[in-house]
Structures are given as structure tokens and as C-alpha cells.
Amino acid sequence: MTEAVMARSTAPQPTSTKVVADWNALMPGDFVTVLESYTVPHSGWIDDVTEDGRIVWLLLAFGGGRRMFFREDGDIITVEVP
């Protein structure tokens, strides 16, 4: 493999974020950021989602523990997309 091909394959790809409108679409293991009260970000992995998609449990990054978020509180979930 040439250096140019290696550099291209290991270079970070540009990403953007997308709001997840339907929390039922989230799956355990998805890496997301929850914007609590539209301002405080909490990043981590989805641990579980209720059947009605109104509550998610997040395993917070950096050993932050497990936390529950409620759709009714106005929390917003975003995911990175290429």
C-alpha cells in the first residue's frame, strides 16, 4: 500500500451531528450525545430504551456511570454522521 493510500485511510473523516427524532430507533451500544436542557452535553453508549421510546439509559463516557434521560424533559439526542 502506498503512503498516500495509507494516509487517506487513516485520516479522520469529517462528520456532522444529526438529531435523533425517534428514540425508538436507538439501539444498545449506539454512541450518542444527550443535550440535557439543550445545553449540557452527556456522551456515551445507549444501554437501554423503553418500549415507547420515552426514556433512555446511557452509559456515560469516561467512567461517568449510568444515567436516565427523559424525552419529556426536552432532552435532545444527537449522533455523529459521516
Protein backbone atom coordinates (compact mmCIF):
# COMPACT_ATOMS: atom_id res chain seq x y z
CA MET A 1 0.00 0.00 0.00
CA THR A 2 1.38 3.40 -0.88
CA GLU A 3 1.83 6.17 1.68
CA ALA A 4 -0.87 8.28 0.01
CA VAL A 5 -3.43 5.47 0.29
CA MET A 6 -2.45 4.77 3.90
CA ALA A 7 -2.71 8.45 4.82
CA ARG A 8 -6.13 8.70 3.23
CA SER A 9 -7.43 5.60 5.01
CA THR A 10 -6.20 6.68 8.47
CA ALA A 11 -7.07 10.37 8.20
CA PRO A 12 -10.07 11.42 10.29
CA GLN A 13 -13.21 11.71 8.24
CA PRO A 14 -15.33 14.85 8.56
CA THR A 15 -18.53 14.30 10.49
CA SER A 16 -21.60 16.25 11.45
CA THR A 17 -24.31 15.65 14.02
CA LYS A 18 -27.92 14.71 13.48
CA VAL A 19 -30.78 14.94 15.98
CA VAL A 20 -32.47 11.59 16.62
CA ALA A 21 -36.17 12.38 16.32
CA ASP A 22 -37.36 8.84 17.11
CA TRP A 23 -35.71 7.47 20.24
CA ASN A 24 -37.12 4.03 19.35
CA ALA A 25 -34.54 3.94 16.54
CA LEU A 26 -31.72 3.85 19.11
CA MET A 27 -30.08 0.53 19.84
CA PRO A 28 -27.97 -0.59 22.80
CA GLY A 29 -24.35 0.17 22.00
CA ASP A 30 -25.06 3.27 19.87
CA PHE A 31 -22.71 6.13 20.80
CA VAL A 32 -24.70 9.36 21.24
CA THR A 33 -24.64 12.75 22.91
CA VAL A 34 -27.61 13.84 25.00
CA LEU A 35 -28.10 17.58 25.28
CA GLU A 36 -29.71 17.98 28.68
CA SER A 37 -31.79 21.18 28.89
CA TYR A 38 -30.49 21.99 25.37
CA THR A 39 -27.05 22.92 26.74
CA VAL A 40 -25.32 20.33 28.94
CA PRO A 41 -23.79 17.53 26.81
CA HIS A 42 -23.51 13.97 28.08
CA SER A 43 -21.81 11.49 25.73
CA GLY A 44 -21.89 7.74 26.00
CA TRP A 45 -23.41 4.49 24.83
CA ILE A 46 -27.09 3.62 24.83
CA ASP A 47 -27.66 0.94 27.47
CA ASP A 48 -31.42 0.58 27.06
CA VAL A 49 -34.52 2.30 25.66
CA THR A 50 -38.08 1.86 26.91
CA GLU A 51 -40.58 0.25 24.52
CA ASP A 52 -42.34 3.57 23.98
CA GLY A 53 -39.03 5.39 23.37
CA ARG A 54 -39.64 7.99 26.08
CA ILE A 55 -36.71 7.03 28.33
CA VAL A 56 -33.11 6.05 27.55
CA TRP A 57 -30.34 4.84 29.82
CA LEU A 58 -26.89 6.00 28.88
CA LEU A 59 -23.55 4.53 29.98
CA LEU A 60 -21.59 7.74 30.23
CA ALA A 61 -18.13 8.06 28.71
CA PHE A 62 -15.04 8.42 30.90
CA GLY A 63 -16.46 6.24 33.68
CA GLY A 64 -19.32 8.62 34.41
CA GLY A 65 -21.72 5.84 35.38
CA ARG A 66 -25.22 5.13 34.12
CA ARG A 67 -27.85 7.83 33.73
CA MET A 68 -31.51 8.00 32.72
CA PHE A 69 -32.85 10.68 30.35
CA PHE A 70 -36.49 11.54 29.71
CA ARG A 71 -37.82 12.76 26.38
CA GLU A 72 -40.49 14.76 28.27
CA ASP A 73 -37.73 16.86 29.88
CA GLY A 74 -36.85 18.22 26.44
CA ASP A 75 -33.53 16.38 26.25
CA ILE A 76 -32.16 16.07 22.71
CA ILE A 77 -30.14 13.10 21.46
CA THR A 78 -27.65 13.56 18.65
CA VAL A 79 -25.46 11.11 16.73
CA GLU A 80 -22.44 11.72 14.54
CA VAL A 81 -22.92 11.01 10.85
CA PRO A 82 -20.22 10.88 8.17
